[in-house]
Amino acid sequence: MILYSFRRCPWAMRARLALRYSECPVAIREVSLKAKPPELLELSPKGTVPVLSAGDQVLEESLDIMRWALARHDPQDWLLRADPQGARAADALIERNDRVFKAQVNLYKYAERYPQHSREYYRAQAEPWLAELDERLAQRSYLFAEHPSLADAALLPLMRQFAGVEPDWFASAPYPHLHAWLQGWLESALFKAIMMR
């Protein structure tokens, strides 16, 4: 099995998280986005990462890769099989993250490309989402349980990206539970393993 990846890409990051957690024996091929290898484009003409080549199966979306990996091995119940209602709520949270928060992160991170508003304005647009996650994390260690779930791993890379735009601001922002959650992930052995060069 081969995963075509780019180390800093949030979508590739979360695919690597799930594959590593589920102990899938996969070779990681780091891709130069300026010089995509022909074998990647043959598997996936759209040329984006991640792409997982698993025998006769090709998966081109990060969530598909995550779910595929977790279906093989999920020792901590990241899929929340024991809580079907929670699993549905987790899917809805991921969908909002990928659709709404991703756009907000882009505006905030690349504010100079969108001079209609200031970086502070774009940051403020995302703060209701930060507050919602912080409130959820005030009730438990992770977003849906006392253990990580698919939602935690799926949201982590974009939150890391958001926090990295203005680290000092994020560290002092009034979201202590979200900050602790993010730091816990960033300091975890799992995350450090998937970010090794």
C-alpha atoms as a PDB file:
ATOM      1  CA  MET A   1       0.000   0.000   0.000  1.00  0.00           C
ATOM      2  CA  ILE A   2       1.242   3.463  -0.892  1.00  0.00           C
ATOM      3  CA  LEU A   3       0.000   6.812   0.387  1.00  0.00           C
ATOM      4  CA  TYR A   4       0.882   9.809  -1.746  1.00  0.00           C
ATOM      5  CA  SER A   5       1.175  12.636   0.723  1.00  0.00           C
ATOM      6  CA  PHE A   6       2.484  16.133   1.372  1.00  0.00           C
ATOM      7  CA  ARG A   7       3.737  16.639   4.906  1.00  0.00           C
ATOM      8  CA  ARG A   8       2.061  19.987   5.646  1.00  0.00           C
ATOM      9  CA  CYS A   9      -1.216  19.352   3.797  1.00  0.00           C
ATOM     10  CA  PRO A  10      -4.022  19.119   6.391  1.00  0.00           C
ATOM     11  CA  TRP A  11      -5.933  16.539   4.348  1.00  0.00           C
ATOM     12  CA  ALA A  12      -2.865  14.314   3.971  1.00  0.00           C
ATOM     13  CA  MET A  13      -2.075  14.820   7.652  1.00  0.00           C
ATOM     14  CA  ARG A  14      -5.366  13.397   8.795  1.00  0.00           C
ATOM     15  CA  ALA A  15      -5.090  10.448   6.417  1.00  0.00           C
ATOM     16  CA  ARG A  16      -1.668   9.677   7.902  1.00  0.00           C
ATOM     17  CA  LEU A  17      -3.097   9.949  11.428  1.00  0.00           C
ATOM     18  CA  ALA A  18      -5.737   7.308  10.756  1.00  0.00           C
ATOM     19  CA  LEU A  19      -3.378   4.993   8.878  1.00  0.00           C
ATOM     20  CA  ARG A  20      -0.769   5.174  11.638  1.00  0.00           C
ATOM     21  CA  TYR A  21      -3.323   4.741  14.423  1.00  0.00           C
ATOM     22  CA  SER A  22      -4.871   1.728  12.688  1.00  0.00           C
ATOM     23  CA  GLU A  23      -1.412   0.219  12.132  1.00  0.00           C
ATOM     24  CA  CYS A  24      -1.852  -0.114   8.379  1.00  0.00           C
ATOM     25  CA  PRO A  25       1.428  -1.140   6.721  1.00  0.00           C
ATOM     26  CA  VAL A  26       1.661   1.688   4.226  1.00  0.00           C
ATOM     27  CA  ALA A  27       4.592   3.345   2.472  1.00  0.00           C
ATOM     28  CA  ILE A  28       4.434   7.141   2.497  1.00  0.00           C
ATOM     29  CA  ARG A  29       5.513   8.851  -0.719  1.00  0.00           C
ATOM     30  CA  GLU A  30       6.133  12.545  -0.165  1.00  0.00           C
ATOM     31  CA  VAL A  31       4.987  14.447  -3.245  1.00  0.00           C
ATOM     32  CA  SER A  32       6.349  17.709  -4.589  1.00  0.00           C
ATOM     33  CA  LEU A  33       3.237  19.639  -5.515  1.00  0.00           C
ATOM     34  CA  LYS A  34       5.249  21.468  -8.196  1.00  0.00           C
ATOM     35  CA  ALA A  35       6.439  18.222  -9.775  1.00  0.00           C
ATOM     36  CA  LYS A  36       3.799  15.570  -9.214  1.00  0.00           C
ATOM     37  CA  PRO A  37       4.994  12.059 -10.056  1.00  0.00           C
ATOM     38  CA  PRO A  38       3.419  10.404 -13.116  1.00  0.00           C
ATOM     39  CA  GLU A  39       2.311   7.401 -11.058  1.00  0.00           C
ATOM     40  CA  LEU A  40       0.218   9.695  -8.833  1.00  0.00           C
ATOM     41  CA  LEU A  41      -1.434  11.351 -11.829  1.00  0.00           C
ATOM     42  CA  GLU A  42      -2.111   7.937 -13.351  1.00  0.00           C
ATOM     43  CA  LEU A  43      -3.908   6.843 -10.187  1.00  0.00           C
ATOM     44  CA  SER A  44      -5.664  10.170  -9.645  1.00  0.00           C
ATOM     45  CA  PRO A  45      -5.727  12.622 -12.579  1.00  0.00           C
ATOM     46  CA  LYS A  46      -6.832  15.487 -10.318  1.00  0.00           C
ATOM     47  CA  GLY A  47      -3.361  15.330  -8.804  1.00  0.00           C
ATOM     48  CA  THR A  48      -4.204  16.273  -5.232  1.00  0.00           C
ATOM     49  CA  VAL A  49      -3.075  14.527  -2.065  1.00  0.00           C
ATOM     50  CA  PRO A  50      -3.723  12.338  -0.223  1.00  0.00           C
ATOM     51  CA  VAL A  51      -4.177   9.367  -2.518  1.00  0.00           C
ATOM     52  CA  LEU A  52      -4.031   5.822  -1.177  1.00  0.00           C
ATOM     53  CA  SER A  53      -3.195   2.997  -3.542  1.00  0.00           C
ATOM     54  CA  ALA A  54      -4.252  -0.217  -1.812  1.00  0.00           C
ATOM     55  CA  GLY A  55      -4.045  -3.110  -4.214  1.00  0.00           C
ATOM     56  CA  ASP A  56      -6.875  -2.780  -6.701  1.00  0.00           C
ATOM     57  CA  GLN A  57      -8.450   0.075  -4.734  1.00  0.00           C
ATOM     58  CA  VAL A  58      -7.609   3.773  -5.044  1.00  0.00           C
ATOM     59  CA  LEU A  59      -8.924   6.243  -2.462  1.00  0.00           C
ATOM     60  CA  GLU A  60      -8.632   9.946  -3.287  1.00  0.00           C
ATOM     61  CA  GLU A  61     -10.344  11.677  -0.355  1.00  0.00           C
ATOM     62  CA  SER A  62      -8.921  12.010   3.144  1.00  0.00           C
ATOM     63  CA  LEU A  63     -12.116  10.966   4.931  1.00  0.00           C
ATOM     64  CA  ASP A  64     -12.479   7.906   2.702  1.00  0.00           C
ATOM     65  CA  ILE A  65      -8.914   6.925   3.579  1.00  0.00           C
ATOM     66  CA  MET A  66      -9.560   7.497   7.281  1.00  0.00           C
ATOM     67  CA  ARG A  67     -12.725   5.393   7.292  1.00  0.00           C
ATOM     68  CA  TRP A  68     -11.062   2.661   5.240  1.00  0.00           C
ATOM     69  CA  ALA A  69      -8.197   2.469   7.745  1.00  0.00           C
ATOM     70  CA  LEU A  70     -10.509   2.499  10.764  1.00  0.00           C
ATOM     71  CA  ALA A  71     -12.653  -0.260   9.269  1.00  0.00           C
ATOM     72  CA  ARG A  72      -9.521  -2.438   9.298  1.00  0.00           C
ATOM     73  CA  HIS A  73      -8.435  -1.709  12.879  1.00  0.00           C
ATOM     74  CA  ASP A  74      -9.955   0.717  15.385  1.00  0.00           C
ATOM     75  CA  PRO A  75      -8.853  -0.253  18.905  1.00  0.00           C
ATOM     76  CA  GLN A  76     -10.096   2.933  20.635  1.00  0.00           C
ATOM     77  CA  ASP A  77     -13.401   3.143  18.709  1.00  0.00           C
ATOM     78  CA  TRP A  78     -12.614   6.314  16.758  1.00  0.00           C
ATOM     79  CA  LEU A  79     -15.698   5.498  14.662  1.00  0.00           C
ATOM     80  CA  LEU A  80     -17.878   5.677  17.793  1.00  0.00           C
ATOM     81  CA  ARG A  81     -19.581   2.379  16.990  1.00  0.00           C
ATOM     82  CA  ALA A  82     -20.737   2.269  20.607  1.00  0.00           C
ATOM     83  CA  ASP A  83     -22.510   5.620  20.137  1.00  0.00           C
ATOM     84  CA  PRO A  84     -24.339   5.794  16.772  1.00  0.00           C
ATOM     85  CA  GLN A  85     -25.942   9.145  17.616  1.00  0.00           C
ATOM     86  CA  GLY A  86     -22.531  10.560  18.496  1.00  0.00           C
ATOM     87  CA  ALA A  87     -21.121   9.164  15.244  1.00  0.00           C
ATOM     88  CA  ARG A  88     -23.780  11.008  13.239  1.00  0.00           C
ATOM     89  CA  ALA A  89     -23.089  14.226  15.153  1.00  0.00           C
ATOM     90  CA  ALA A  90     -19.352  13.745  14.544  1.00  0.00           C
ATOM     91  CA  ASP A  91     -19.959  13.427  10.800  1.00  0.00           C
ATOM     92  CA  ALA A  92     -21.940  16.679  10.841  1.00  0.00           C
ATOM     93  CA  LEU A  93     -19.159  18.458  12.748  1.00  0.00           C
ATOM     94  CA  ILE A  94     -16.550  17.242  10.263  1.00  0.00           C
ATOM     95  CA  GLU A  95     -18.709  18.433   7.372  1.00  0.00           C
ATOM     96  CA  ARG A  96     -18.929  21.944   8.876  1.00  0.00           C
ATOM     97  CA  ASN A  97     -15.194  21.938   9.528  1.00  0.00           C
ATOM     98  CA  ASP A  98     -14.402  20.989   5.936  1.00  0.00           C
ATOM     99  CA  ARG A  99     -16.911  23.330   4.334  1.00  0.00           C
ATOM    100  CA  VAL A 100     -17.101  26.441   6.544  1.00  0.00           C
ATOM    101  CA  PHE A 101     -14.013  26.489   8.768  1.00  0.00           C
ATOM    102  CA  LYS A 102     -11.657  25.558   5.910  1.00  0.00           C
ATOM    103  CA  ALA A 103     -12.786  28.664   3.998  1.00  0.00           C
ATOM    104  CA  GLN A 104     -12.330  30.793   7.121  1.00  0.00           C
ATOM    105  CA  VAL A 105      -8.816  29.431   7.655  1.00  0.00           C
ATOM    106  CA  ASN A 106      -7.872  30.290   4.078  1.00  0.00           C
ATOM    107  CA  LEU A 107      -9.100  33.874   4.427  1.00  0.00           C
ATOM    108  CA  TYR A 108      -7.350  34.297   7.773  1.00  0.00           C
ATOM    109  CA  LYS A 109      -4.062  32.671   6.773  1.00  0.00           C
ATOM    110  CA  TYR A 110      -3.831  34.421   3.413  1.00  0.00           C
ATOM    111  CA  ALA A 111      -5.463  37.706   4.409  1.00  0.00           C
ATOM    112  CA  GLU A 112      -3.130  39.691   2.150  1.00  0.00           C
ATOM    113  CA  ARG A 113      -4.758  37.978  -0.842  1.00  0.00           C
ATOM    114  CA  TYR A 114      -8.200  39.144   0.328  1.00  0.00           C
ATOM    115  CA  PRO A 115      -7.725  42.845   1.110  1.00  0.00           C
ATOM    116  CA  GLN A 116     -11.480  43.476   1.401  1.00  0.00           C
ATOM    117  CA  HIS A 117     -11.036  42.910   5.148  1.00  0.00           C
ATOM    118  CA  SER A 118      -8.262  42.745   7.736  1.00  0.00           C
ATOM    119  CA  ARG A 119      -6.738  39.581   9.157  1.00  0.00           C
ATOM    120  CA  GLU A 120      -8.420  40.458  12.469  1.00  0.00           C
ATOM    121  CA  TYR A 121     -11.798  40.549  10.723  1.00  0.00           C
ATOM    122  CA  TYR A 122     -11.258  37.107   9.189  1.00  0.00           C
ATOM    123  CA  ARG A 123     -10.102  35.761  12.538  1.00  0.00           C
ATOM    124  CA  ALA A 124     -13.247  37.091  14.206  1.00  0.00           C
ATOM    125  CA  GLN A 125     -15.404  35.273  11.650  1.00  0.00           C
ATOM    126  CA  ALA A 126     -13.980  31.964  12.883  1.00  0.00           C
ATOM    127  CA  GLU A 127     -14.282  32.675  16.590  1.00  0.00           C
ATOM    128  CA  PRO A 128     -17.851  31.339  17.014  1.00  0.00           C
ATOM    129  CA  TRP A 129     -16.510  27.981  15.790  1.00  0.00           C
ATOM    130  CA  LEU A 130     -13.626  28.149  18.265  1.00  0.00           C
ATOM    131  CA  ALA A 131     -16.061  28.982  21.063  1.00  0.00           C
ATOM    132  CA  GLU A 132     -18.349  26.091  20.110  1.00  0.00           C
ATOM    133  CA  LEU A 133     -15.487  23.597  20.139  1.00  0.00           C
ATOM    134  CA  ASP A 134     -14.134  25.017  23.409  1.00  0.00           C
ATOM    135  CA  GLU A 135     -17.550  24.605  25.035  1.00  0.00           C
ATOM    136  CA  ARG A 136     -17.773  21.022  23.793  1.00  0.00           C
ATOM    137  CA  LEU A 137     -14.272  20.277  25.128  1.00  0.00           C
ATOM    138  CA  ALA A 138     -15.159  21.768  28.520  1.00  0.00           C
ATOM    139  CA  GLN A 139     -17.416  18.740  29.000  1.00  0.00           C
ATOM    140  CA  ARG A 140     -14.916  15.998  28.104  1.00  0.00           C
ATOM    141  CA  SER A 141     -11.329  15.451  27.021  1.00  0.00           C
ATOM    142  CA  TYR A 142     -12.185  14.985  23.350  1.00  0.00           C
ATOM    143  CA  LEU A 143     -14.959  16.187  21.071  1.00  0.00           C
ATOM    144  CA  PHE A 144     -17.349  13.261  21.522  1.00  0.00           C
ATOM    145  CA  ALA A 145     -15.934  10.946  24.172  1.00  0.00           C
ATOM    146  CA  GLU A 146     -13.204  10.511  26.730  1.00  0.00           C
ATOM    147  CA  HIS A 147     -11.088   9.092  23.922  1.00  0.00           C
ATOM    148  CA  PRO A 148     -10.224  10.426  20.455  1.00  0.00           C
ATOM    149  CA  SER A 149     -12.658   9.932  17.609  1.00  0.00           C
ATOM    150  CA  LEU A 150     -12.657  10.387  13.856  1.00  0.00           C
ATOM    151  CA  ALA A 151     -13.828  13.968  14.447  1.00  0.00           C
ATOM    152  CA  ASP A 152     -10.843  14.843  16.629  1.00  0.00           C
ATOM    153  CA  ALA A 153      -8.364  13.525  14.074  1.00  0.00           C
ATOM    154  CA  ALA A 154     -10.236  15.147  11.186  1.00  0.00           C
ATOM    155  CA  LEU A 155     -10.451  18.598  12.813  1.00  0.00           C
ATOM    156  CA  LEU A 156      -6.930  18.635  14.218  1.00  0.00           C
ATOM    157  CA  PRO A 157      -4.963  19.599  11.066  1.00  0.00           C
ATOM    158  CA  LEU A 158      -7.081  22.647  10.224  1.00  0.00           C
ATOM    159  CA  MET A 159      -7.084  23.820  13.838  1.00  0.00           C
ATOM    160  CA  ARG A 160      -3.305  23.461  13.882  1.00  0.00           C
ATOM    161  CA  GLN A 161      -3.156  25.557  10.721  1.00  0.00           C
ATOM    162  CA  PHE A 162      -5.446  28.212  12.207  1.00  0.00           C
ATOM    163  CA  ALA A 163      -3.464  28.376  15.468  1.00  0.00           C
ATOM    164  CA  GLY A 164      -0.220  28.752  13.530  1.00  0.00           C
ATOM    165  CA  VAL A 165      -1.261  31.980  11.810  1.00  0.00           C
ATOM    166  CA  GLU A 166      -0.918  34.049  14.985  1.00  0.00           C
ATOM    167  CA  PRO A 167       0.434  31.689  17.666  1.00  0.00           C
ATOM    168  CA  ASP A 168       0.672  34.339  20.385  1.00  0.00           C
ATOM    169  CA  TRP A 169      -2.928  35.398  19.834  1.00  0.00           C
ATOM    170  CA  PHE A 170      -4.160  31.802  19.892  1.00  0.00           C
ATOM    171  CA  ALA A 171      -2.212  30.998  23.060  1.00  0.00           C
ATOM    172  CA  SER A 172      -3.854  33.888  24.905  1.00  0.00           C
ATOM    173  CA  ALA A 173      -7.326  33.607  23.346  1.00  0.00           C
ATOM    174  CA  PRO A 174     -10.208  32.698  25.705  1.00  0.00           C
ATOM    175  CA  TYR A 175     -10.468  29.088  24.530  1.00  0.00           C
ATOM    176  CA  PRO A 176      -8.515  27.164  27.201  1.00  0.00           C
ATOM    177  CA  HIS A 177     -10.080  23.764  26.536  1.00  0.00           C
ATOM    178  CA  LEU A 178      -9.497  24.006  22.791  1.00  0.00           C
ATOM    179  CA  HIS A 179      -5.916  25.105  23.421  1.00  0.00           C
ATOM    180  CA  ALA A 180      -5.298  22.152  25.752  1.00  0.00           C
ATOM    181  CA  TRP A 181      -6.889  19.744  23.250  1.00  0.00           C
ATOM    182  CA  LEU A 182      -4.680  21.021  20.432  1.00  0.00           C
ATOM    183  CA  GLN A 183      -1.524  20.922  22.564  1.00  0.00           C
ATOM    184  CA  GLY A 184      -2.349  17.400  23.674  1.00  0.00           C
ATOM    185  CA  TRP A 185      -2.545  16.263  20.071  1.00  0.00           C
ATOM    186  CA  LEU A 186       0.589  18.126  18.976  1.00  0.00           C
ATOM    187  CA  GLU A 187       2.586  16.580  21.817  1.00  0.00           C
ATOM    188  CA  SER A 188       1.226  13.074  21.271  1.00  0.00           C
ATOM    189  CA  ALA A 189       3.435  10.260  20.030  1.00  0.00           C
ATOM    190  CA  LEU A 190       0.937   9.616  17.219  1.00  0.00           C
ATOM    191  CA  PHE A 191       1.116  13.138  15.846  1.00  0.00           C
ATOM    192  CA  LYS A 192       4.881  13.353  16.174  1.00  0.00           C
ATOM    193  CA  ALA A 193       5.214  10.065  14.288  1.00  0.00           C
ATOM    194  CA  ILE A 194       3.148  11.225  11.310  1.00  0.00           C
ATOM    195  CA  MET A 195       5.055  14.519  11.082  1.00  0.00           C
ATOM    196  CA  MET A 196       8.546  13.005  10.931  1.00  0.00           C
ATOM    197  CA  ARG A 197      10.460  14.114   7.860  1.00  0.00           C
END
